[in-house]
Amino acid sequence: MSFANSFKALSHPVRREILNLLKTGRLSAGEIASYFELTGATISHHLTILKAADLIHEMKEKNFIYYELNTSVFRGYNGLVSRFERKSFLMKIKKSIRNWYYLRAFSSYYLPL
């Protein structure tokens, strides 16, 4: 699994909608297809791409194939995103401190205390 493959898989709106459907629990390919006005082959193609990106798991029971979200992958993405958020937050704090320092230095130079 690579982030590039996963993000490429997430780029298509049908695949994102399939993932939204799977948030409620596992569904068969037929149940997933019933939500779309697409051919079974097209849905199968999208499921194959999601599976290759390791975003979903496939389970076979008798004559049916069920799909469910691979939540461990999404936890990994959450960690990736939070690293960027934390860095952005720290950059904002650093900028605020720098601005406060400059303001303080400016006011003490021009304004008597």
Protein backbone atom coordinates (compact mmCIF):
# COMPACT_ATOMS: atom_id res chain seq x y z
CA MET A 1 0.00 0.00 0.00
CA SER A 2 1.30 3.44 -0.85
CA PHE A 3 -0.21 6.78 -0.12
CA ALA A 4 -0.06 7.68 -3.82
CA ASN A 5 -2.15 4.64 -4.80
CA SER A 6 -4.63 5.32 -2.04
CA PHE A 7 -5.04 8.97 -2.92
CA LYS A 8 -5.43 8.06 -6.58
CA ALA A 9 -8.16 5.59 -5.62
CA LEU A 10 -9.87 8.29 -3.56
CA SER A 11 -9.83 10.73 -6.49
CA HIS A 12 -12.95 9.27 -8.13
CA PRO A 13 -16.35 10.32 -6.70
CA VAL A 14 -17.91 6.86 -7.16
CA ARG A 15 -15.14 5.24 -5.12
CA ARG A 16 -15.53 7.86 -2.38
CA GLU A 17 -19.27 7.15 -2.32
CA ILE A 18 -18.60 3.40 -2.07
CA LEU A 19 -16.41 4.10 0.97
CA ASN A 20 -19.20 6.20 2.47
CA LEU A 21 -21.61 3.30 1.99
CA LEU A 22 -19.19 0.92 3.69
CA LYS A 23 -19.00 3.15 6.78
CA THR A 24 -22.29 1.58 7.90
CA GLY A 25 -20.86 -1.94 7.72
CA ARG A 26 -20.06 -4.66 5.25
CA LEU A 27 -22.02 -4.90 2.02
CA SER A 28 -22.09 -7.32 -0.88
CA ALA A 29 -21.15 -6.20 -4.36
CA GLY A 30 -24.82 -6.41 -5.37
CA GLU A 31 -25.90 -4.22 -2.45
CA ILE A 32 -23.25 -1.65 -3.37
CA ALA A 33 -24.31 -1.73 -7.04
CA SER A 34 -27.95 -1.09 -6.09
CA TYR A 35 -27.01 2.42 -4.93
CA PHE A 36 -25.67 3.40 -8.36
CA GLU A 37 -26.96 3.54 -11.90
CA LEU A 38 -23.82 1.84 -13.18
CA THR A 39 -23.18 -1.60 -14.62
CA GLY A 40 -21.98 -4.39 -12.38
CA ALA A 41 -18.71 -4.45 -14.30
CA THR A 42 -18.11 -0.77 -13.54
CA ILE A 43 -18.78 -1.28 -9.83
CA SER A 44 -16.49 -4.31 -9.88
CA HIS A 45 -13.77 -2.18 -11.47
CA HIS A 46 -14.08 0.46 -8.73
CA LEU A 47 -14.04 -2.22 -6.01
CA THR A 48 -10.90 -3.73 -7.54
CA ILE A 49 -9.15 -0.36 -7.43
CA LEU A 50 -10.20 0.21 -3.80
CA LYS A 51 -9.00 -3.28 -2.94
CA ALA A 52 -5.65 -2.76 -4.69
CA ALA A 53 -5.19 0.46 -2.71
CA ASP A 54 -5.91 -1.57 0.46
CA LEU A 55 -8.82 0.69 1.38
CA ILE A 56 -11.30 -2.19 1.60
CA HIS A 57 -11.24 -5.88 2.52
CA GLU A 58 -13.01 -8.66 0.66
CA MET A 59 -14.64 -11.61 2.43
CA LYS A 60 -16.20 -14.56 0.64
CA GLU A 61 -19.21 -16.30 2.21
CA LYS A 62 -20.86 -19.04 0.19
CA ASN A 63 -21.90 -17.43 -3.12
CA PHE A 64 -21.41 -13.83 -2.00
CA ILE A 65 -18.46 -11.50 -1.69
CA TYR A 66 -18.73 -8.90 1.04
CA TYR A 67 -16.67 -5.74 1.31
CA GLU A 68 -15.78 -3.70 4.36
CA LEU A 69 -13.53 -0.75 5.14
CA ASN A 70 -9.92 -1.34 6.09
CA THR A 71 -9.94 0.98 9.09
CA SER A 72 -6.26 0.47 9.87
CA VAL A 73 -5.33 2.30 6.66
CA PHE A 74 -7.51 5.24 7.60
CA ARG A 75 -5.91 5.39 11.05
CA GLY A 76 -2.54 5.65 9.29
CA TYR A 77 -3.82 8.50 7.13
CA ASN A 78 -5.18 10.23 10.20
CA GLY A 79 -1.68 10.12 11.68
CA LEU A 80 -0.22 11.52 8.47
CA VAL A 81 -2.70 14.38 8.35
CA SER A 82 -2.30 15.20 12.04
CA ARG A 83 1.45 15.59 11.53
CA PHE A 84 0.78 18.32 9.01
CA GLU A 85 -1.85 19.92 11.22
CA ARG A 86 0.43 19.92 14.24
CA LYS A 87 3.27 21.45 12.22
CA SER A 88 0.93 24.09 10.87
CA PHE A 89 -0.30 24.82 14.38
CA LEU A 90 3.25 25.16 15.68
CA MET A 91 4.13 27.44 12.79
CA LYS A 92 1.18 29.68 13.71
CA ILE A 93 2.31 29.81 17.33
CA LYS A 94 5.85 30.65 16.28
CA LYS A 95 4.56 33.42 14.02
CA SER A 96 2.38 34.81 16.82
CA ILE A 97 5.31 34.84 19.22
CA ARG A 98 7.51 36.53 16.65
CA ASN A 99 4.83 39.16 15.99
CA TRP A 100 4.38 39.74 19.73
CA TYR A 101 8.14 40.09 20.16
CA TYR A 102 8.40 42.64 17.33
CA LEU A 103 5.40 44.55 18.63
CA ARG A 104 6.87 44.58 22.13
CA ALA A 105 10.27 45.72 20.85
CA PHE A 106 8.65 48.42 18.68
CA SER A 107 6.44 49.78 21.47
CA SER A 108 9.22 49.92 24.06
CA TYR A 109 11.44 51.78 21.58
CA TYR A 110 8.87 54.39 20.54
CA LEU A 111 6.58 54.56 23.56
CA PRO A 112 7.74 55.34 27.07
CA LEU A 113 6.86 52.76 29.70
